[in-house]
Amino acid sequence: MSSRSWQERIEDILNSIAAIRSRTSNLGFAEFEQNETVIKAVLFDFIIIGEATRNIPSEIQAMAPNIPWRLMADMRNVMTHEYFQVDLQIVWDGIQGDLPNVVEPLSRLLPKNHVD
């Protein structure tokens, strides 16, 4: 049994998305791919996103079928176990295009009276 609730796991995902977006908001891809510190921090947050995703019950995931749950978990597996195959352009595209699209659906899963 996990020591963290699924609500806390969603908060972990949202916090990691916010951290990634904050770290990369003033960068273009060329700057991103040259900044090892930012790359490693971003990859770590993607690992958190994937691990948290794996621990959200399937019945909760089913409430938001438009969220790419499997892809989020799979990215964690690649970044953790196949780190030498990470394609920074794919990571960048995910930061720019995919992450912003999951914030609202994830937030809607949290109870209305839930406080961050």
N, C-alpha and C. Protein backbone atom coordinates (compact mmCIF):
# COMPACT_ATOMS: atom_id res chain seq x y z
N MET A 1 0.84 -1.19 0.00
CA MET A 1 0.00 0.00 0.00
C MET A 1 0.88 1.24 0.00
N SER A 2 0.57 2.16 -0.86
CA SER A 2 1.35 3.39 -0.99
C SER A 2 1.13 4.30 0.22
N SER A 3 2.15 5.02 0.56
CA SER A 3 2.05 5.97 1.67
C SER A 3 1.43 7.29 1.23
N ARG A 4 1.16 7.42 -0.07
CA ARG A 4 0.59 8.66 -0.60
C ARG A 4 -0.73 8.37 -1.28
N SER A 5 -1.68 9.25 -1.09
CA SER A 5 -2.99 9.09 -1.72
C SER A 5 -2.91 9.43 -3.21
N TRP A 6 -3.93 9.01 -3.94
CA TRP A 6 -3.94 9.34 -5.37
C TRP A 6 -4.05 10.85 -5.57
N GLN A 7 -4.71 11.55 -4.65
CA GLN A 7 -4.79 13.00 -4.76
C GLN A 7 -3.41 13.64 -4.63
N GLU A 8 -2.62 13.11 -3.69
CA GLU A 8 -1.25 13.61 -3.53
C GLU A 8 -0.41 13.30 -4.76
N ARG A 9 -0.66 12.15 -5.37
CA ARG A 9 0.07 11.79 -6.59
C ARG A 9 -0.28 12.75 -7.73
N ILE A 10 -1.54 13.14 -7.84
CA ILE A 10 -1.92 14.12 -8.86
C ILE A 10 -1.25 15.45 -8.56
N GLU A 11 -1.20 15.84 -7.30
CA GLU A 11 -0.49 17.06 -6.93
C GLU A 11 0.99 16.96 -7.32
N ASP A 12 1.59 15.80 -7.11
CA ASP A 12 2.99 15.59 -7.51
C ASP A 12 3.16 15.83 -9.01
N ILE A 13 2.23 15.30 -9.80
CA ILE A 13 2.29 15.49 -11.25
C ILE A 13 2.16 16.97 -11.59
N LEU A 14 1.17 17.62 -11.02
CA LEU A 14 0.96 19.05 -11.31
C LEU A 14 2.15 19.89 -10.87
N ASN A 15 2.73 19.57 -9.72
CA ASN A 15 3.91 20.31 -9.25
C ASN A 15 5.10 20.08 -10.18
N SER A 16 5.28 18.87 -10.65
CA SER A 16 6.38 18.58 -11.57
C SER A 16 6.18 19.28 -12.90
N ILE A 17 4.95 19.30 -13.39
CA ILE A 17 4.67 20.03 -14.63
C ILE A 17 4.99 21.51 -14.45
N ALA A 18 4.56 22.08 -13.34
CA ALA A 18 4.84 23.50 -13.07
C ALA A 18 6.35 23.75 -12.99
N ALA A 19 7.08 22.85 -12.37
CA ALA A 19 8.54 23.02 -12.26
C ALA A 19 9.20 22.93 -13.63
N ILE A 20 8.78 21.99 -14.44
CA ILE A 20 9.34 21.86 -15.79
C ILE A 20 9.06 23.11 -16.60
N ARG A 21 7.85 23.56 -16.57
CA ARG A 21 7.48 24.76 -17.35
C ARG A 21 8.22 25.99 -16.85
N SER A 22 8.41 26.10 -15.54
CA SER A 22 9.15 27.22 -14.99
C SER A 22 10.61 27.20 -15.43
N ARG A 23 11.22 26.03 -15.38
CA ARG A 23 12.64 25.92 -15.75
C ARG A 23 12.89 26.17 -17.23
N THR A 24 11.88 25.91 -18.06
CA THR A 24 12.09 25.99 -19.50
C THR A 24 11.39 27.17 -20.17
N SER A 25 10.66 27.95 -19.41
CA SER A 25 9.81 29.00 -20.00
C SER A 25 10.59 30.05 -20.77
N ASN A 26 11.80 30.32 -20.39
CA ASN A 26 12.59 31.35 -21.07
C ASN A 26 13.66 30.76 -21.98
N LEU A 27 13.50 29.49 -22.34
CA LEU A 27 14.49 28.83 -23.17
C LEU A 27 13.90 28.43 -24.51
N GLY A 28 14.73 28.43 -25.52
CA GLY A 28 14.40 27.78 -26.77
C GLY A 28 15.03 26.40 -26.74
N PHE A 29 14.74 25.58 -27.75
CA PHE A 29 15.27 24.23 -27.76
C PHE A 29 16.80 24.22 -27.75
N ALA A 30 17.42 25.11 -28.52
CA ALA A 30 18.89 25.14 -28.59
C ALA A 30 19.50 25.41 -27.22
N GLU A 31 18.90 26.32 -26.48
CA GLU A 31 19.40 26.61 -25.12
C GLU A 31 19.14 25.44 -24.18
N PHE A 32 17.97 24.85 -24.31
CA PHE A 32 17.61 23.71 -23.48
C PHE A 32 18.61 22.57 -23.67
N GLU A 33 18.87 22.19 -24.91
CA GLU A 33 19.72 21.02 -25.14
C GLU A 33 21.18 21.25 -24.76
N GLN A 34 21.55 22.49 -24.50
CA GLN A 34 22.90 22.80 -24.07
C GLN A 34 23.04 22.94 -22.56
N ASN A 35 21.92 22.92 -21.85
CA ASN A 35 21.93 23.17 -20.41
C ASN A 35 21.73 21.85 -19.65
N GLU A 36 22.82 21.20 -19.31
CA GLU A 36 22.76 19.90 -18.66
C GLU A 36 22.02 19.94 -17.33
N THR A 37 22.16 21.01 -16.59
CA THR A 37 21.49 21.12 -15.30
C THR A 37 19.98 21.14 -15.49
N VAL A 38 19.50 21.92 -16.42
CA VAL A 38 18.06 21.98 -16.69
C VAL A 38 17.57 20.65 -17.23
N ILE A 39 18.32 20.05 -18.14
CA ILE A 39 17.92 18.76 -18.70
C ILE A 39 17.74 17.73 -17.59
N LYS A 40 18.69 17.63 -16.71
CA LYS A 40 18.61 16.63 -15.64
C LYS A 40 17.45 16.92 -14.69
N ALA A 41 17.21 18.18 -14.40
CA ALA A 41 16.08 18.52 -13.53
C ALA A 41 14.75 18.18 -14.22
N VAL A 42 14.65 18.48 -15.49
CA VAL A 42 13.43 18.18 -16.25
C VAL A 42 13.21 16.67 -16.32
N LEU A 43 14.25 15.92 -16.61
CA LEU A 43 14.11 14.47 -16.68
C LEU A 43 13.68 13.89 -15.34
N PHE A 44 14.22 14.42 -14.26
CA PHE A 44 13.82 13.96 -12.93
C PHE A 44 12.33 14.22 -12.71
N ASP A 45 11.86 15.40 -13.11
CA ASP A 45 10.43 15.69 -12.94
C ASP A 45 9.57 14.79 -13.82
N PHE A 46 10.04 14.46 -15.01
CA PHE A 46 9.30 13.51 -15.84
C PHE A 46 9.25 12.13 -15.17
N ILE A 47 10.32 11.75 -14.49
CA ILE A 47 10.32 10.48 -13.76
C ILE A 47 9.27 10.53 -12.63
N ILE A 48 9.20 11.65 -11.94
CA ILE A 48 8.18 11.81 -10.89
C ILE A 48 6.79 11.70 -11.49
N ILE A 49 6.57 12.37 -12.61
CA ILE A 49 5.26 12.31 -13.28
C ILE A 49 4.90 10.86 -13.60
N GLY A 50 5.84 10.14 -14.17
CA GLY A 50 5.56 8.75 -14.55
C GLY A 50 5.33 7.86 -13.36
N GLU A 51 6.11 8.03 -12.32
CA GLU A 51 5.94 7.20 -11.12
C GLU A 51 4.62 7.51 -10.43
N ALA A 52 4.28 8.78 -10.33
CA ALA A 52 3.00 9.15 -9.73
C ALA A 52 1.84 8.58 -10.55
N THR A 53 1.96 8.66 -11.86
CA THR A 53 0.92 8.14 -12.75
C THR A 53 0.68 6.66 -12.51
N ARG A 54 1.75 5.90 -12.34
CA ARG A 54 1.64 4.46 -12.12
C ARG A 54 0.89 4.12 -10.83
N ASN A 55 0.80 5.09 -9.93
CA ASN A 55 0.18 4.84 -8.63
C ASN A 55 -1.19 5.48 -8.48
N ILE A 56 -1.76 5.92 -9.59
CA ILE A 56 -3.12 6.44 -9.57
C ILE A 56 -4.04 5.30 -9.99
N PRO A 57 -5.02 4.98 -9.18
CA PRO A 57 -5.88 3.83 -9.47
C PRO A 57 -6.54 3.93 -10.85
N SER A 58 -6.75 2.78 -11.46
CA SER A 58 -7.32 2.74 -12.81
C SER A 58 -8.72 3.36 -12.86
N GLU A 59 -9.48 3.24 -11.78
CA GLU A 59 -10.82 3.85 -11.79
C GLU A 59 -10.74 5.38 -11.80
N ILE A 60 -9.70 5.94 -11.23
CA ILE A 60 -9.50 7.39 -11.29
C ILE A 60 -9.01 7.77 -12.68
N GLN A 61 -8.08 7.00 -13.22
CA GLN A 61 -7.60 7.25 -14.59
C GLN A 61 -8.75 7.20 -15.59
N ALA A 62 -9.68 6.29 -15.39
CA ALA A 62 -10.82 6.15 -16.30
C ALA A 62 -11.72 7.38 -16.31
N MET A 63 -11.66 8.17 -15.26
CA MET A 63 -12.46 9.39 -15.19
C MET A 63 -11.89 10.49 -16.10
N ALA A 64 -10.68 10.32 -16.58
CA ALA A 64 -10.04 11.30 -17.47
C ALA A 64 -9.34 10.55 -18.60
N PRO A 65 -10.11 9.95 -19.50
CA PRO A 65 -9.52 9.14 -20.55
C PRO A 65 -8.69 9.93 -21.56
N ASN A 66 -8.84 11.24 -21.59
CA ASN A 66 -8.07 12.08 -22.51
C ASN A 66 -6.64 12.34 -22.03
N ILE A 67 -6.33 11.96 -20.81
CA ILE A 67 -4.96 12.09 -20.29
C ILE A 67 -4.17 10.87 -20.75
N PRO A 68 -2.98 11.06 -21.31
CA PRO A 68 -2.20 9.92 -21.80
C PRO A 68 -1.46 9.20 -20.65
N TRP A 69 -2.23 8.54 -19.81
CA TRP A 69 -1.68 7.89 -18.62
C TRP A 69 -0.56 6.93 -18.96
N ARG A 70 -0.80 6.07 -19.93
CA ARG A 70 0.19 5.05 -20.29
C ARG A 70 1.47 5.69 -20.82
N LEU A 71 1.33 6.69 -21.66
CA LEU A 71 2.49 7.39 -22.20
C LEU A 71 3.31 8.04 -21.08
N MET A 72 2.62 8.63 -20.12
CA MET A 72 3.32 9.27 -19.01
C MET A 72 4.12 8.24 -18.21
N ALA A 73 3.54 7.08 -17.98
CA ALA A 73 4.24 6.02 -17.26
C ALA A 73 5.39 5.46 -18.10
N ASP A 74 5.14 5.30 -19.39
CA ASP A 74 6.18 4.77 -20.27
C ASP A 74 7.38 5.70 -20.38
N MET A 75 7.13 7.01 -20.37
CA MET A 75 8.25 7.96 -20.42
C MET A 75 9.15 7.78 -19.21
N ARG A 76 8.55 7.53 -18.06
CA ARG A 76 9.34 7.29 -16.85
C ARG A 76 10.22 6.07 -17.04
N ASN A 77 9.68 5.03 -17.63
CA ASN A 77 10.47 3.82 -17.84
C ASN A 77 11.66 4.07 -18.75
N VAL A 78 11.45 4.81 -19.81
CA VAL A 78 12.55 5.12 -20.73
C VAL A 78 13.60 5.97 -20.02
N MET A 79 13.16 7.01 -19.33
CA MET A 79 14.11 7.92 -18.68
C MET A 79 14.86 7.25 -17.54
N THR A 80 14.25 6.26 -16.93
CA THR A 80 14.90 5.56 -15.82
C THR A 80 15.78 4.42 -16.30
N HIS A 81 15.28 3.62 -17.22
CA HIS A 81 15.99 2.40 -17.60
C HIS A 81 16.70 2.48 -18.95
N GLU A 82 16.24 3.35 -19.81
CA GLU A 82 16.83 3.49 -21.16
C GLU A 82 17.30 4.94 -21.36
N TYR A 83 17.84 5.53 -20.30
CA TYR A 83 18.24 6.94 -20.29
C TYR A 83 19.14 7.31 -21.46
N PHE A 84 19.92 6.38 -21.95
CA PHE A 84 20.84 6.64 -23.06
C PHE A 84 20.10 6.80 -24.39
N GLN A 85 18.80 6.48 -24.40
CA GLN A 85 18.00 6.61 -25.62
C GLN A 85 17.10 7.84 -25.60
N VAL A 86 17.17 8.64 -24.56
CA VAL A 86 16.29 9.80 -24.45
C VAL A 86 16.59 10.77 -25.59
N ASP A 87 15.55 11.13 -26.31
CA ASP A 87 15.64 12.08 -27.42
C ASP A 87 15.17 13.43 -26.89
N LEU A 88 16.08 14.38 -26.78
CA LEU A 88 15.73 15.68 -26.19
C LEU A 88 14.70 16.44 -27.01
N GLN A 89 14.66 16.21 -28.31
CA GLN A 89 13.64 16.88 -29.13
C GLN A 89 12.25 16.37 -28.75
N ILE A 90 12.12 15.08 -28.50
CA ILE A 90 10.83 14.52 -28.07
C ILE A 90 10.45 15.06 -26.70
N VAL A 91 11.42 15.14 -25.80
CA VAL A 91 11.18 15.72 -24.48
C VAL A 91 10.70 17.16 -24.62
N TRP A 92 11.40 17.92 -25.44
CA TRP A 92 11.04 19.34 -25.66
C TRP A 92 9.64 19.46 -26.24
N ASP A 93 9.32 18.64 -27.22
CA ASP A 93 7.98 18.68 -27.82
C ASP A 93 6.92 18.37 -26.78
N GLY A 94 7.21 17.43 -25.88
CA GLY A 94 6.28 17.13 -24.80
C GLY A 94 6.09 18.29 -23.84
N ILE A 95 7.17 18.98 -23.55
CA ILE A 95 7.10 20.15 -22.66
C ILE A 95 6.23 21.22 -23.29
N GLN A 96 6.44 21.47 -24.57
CA GLN A 96 5.74 22.54 -25.26
C GLN A 96 4.29 22.19 -25.60
N GLY A 97 4.06 20.96 -26.01
CA GLY A 97 2.74 20.63 -26.52
C GLY A 97 1.87 19.77 -25.63
N ASP A 98 2.46 18.82 -24.94
CA ASP A 98 1.66 17.84 -24.19
C ASP A 98 1.39 18.25 -22.75
N LEU A 99 2.41 18.71 -22.04
CA LEU A 99 2.23 19.02 -20.62
C LEU A 99 1.13 20.05 -20.36
N PRO A 100 1.08 21.15 -21.11
CA PRO A 100 0.02 22.13 -20.83
C PRO A 100 -1.39 21.55 -20.98
N ASN A 101 -1.53 20.55 -21.84
CA ASN A 101 -2.86 19.99 -22.11
C ASN A 101 -3.38 19.06 -21.03
N VAL A 102 -2.54 18.63 -20.10
CA VAL A 102 -3.01 17.72 -19.05
C VAL A 102 -3.27 18.42 -17.71
N VAL A 103 -2.87 19.68 -17.60
CA VAL A 103 -3.02 20.39 -16.32
C VAL A 103 -4.49 20.49 -15.92
N GLU A 104 -5.33 20.98 -16.80
CA GLU A 104 -6.74 21.16 -16.45
C GLU A 104 -7.44 19.84 -16.16
N PRO A 105 -7.31 18.82 -17.04
CA PRO A 105 -7.98 17.55 -16.71
C PRO A 105 -7.48 16.92 -15.40
N LEU A 106 -6.20 17.06 -15.11
CA LEU A 106 -5.70 16.55 -13.83
C LEU A 106 -6.29 17.32 -12.67
N SER A 107 -6.34 18.63 -12.79
CA SER A 107 -6.89 19.48 -11.73
C SER A 107 -8.35 19.15 -11.45
N ARG A 108 -9.09 18.83 -12.51
CA ARG A 108 -10.52 18.49 -12.34
C ARG A 108 -10.73 17.20 -11.56
N LEU A 109 -9.73 16.34 -11.51
CA LEU A 109 -9.86 15.09 -10.75
C LEU A 109 -9.77 15.33 -9.23
N LEU A 110 -9.18 16.43 -8.85
CA LEU A 110 -9.05 16.71 -7.41
C LEU A 110 -10.39 17.21 -6.86
N PRO A 111 -10.71 16.82 -5.65
CA PRO A 111 -11.95 17.31 -5.03
C PRO A 111 -11.97 18.83 -4.97
N LYS A 112 -13.15 19.39 -5.08
CA LYS A 112 -13.32 20.85 -5.10
C LYS A 112 -12.73 21.53 -3.86
N ASN A 113 -12.84 20.87 -2.72
CA ASN A 113 -12.35 21.49 -1.48
C ASN A 113 -10.89 21.14 -1.20
N HIS A 114 -10.24 20.50 -2.17
CA HIS A 114 -8.84 20.11 -1.99
C HIS A 114 -7.96 21.35 -2.06
N VAL A 115 -7.06 21.49 -1.11
CA VAL A 115 -6.16 22.65 -1.06
C VAL A 115 -4.76 22.17 -1.41
N ASP A 116 -4.10 22.89 -2.33
CA ASP A 116 -2.71 22.55 -2.71
C ASP A 116 -1.75 22.91 -1.60
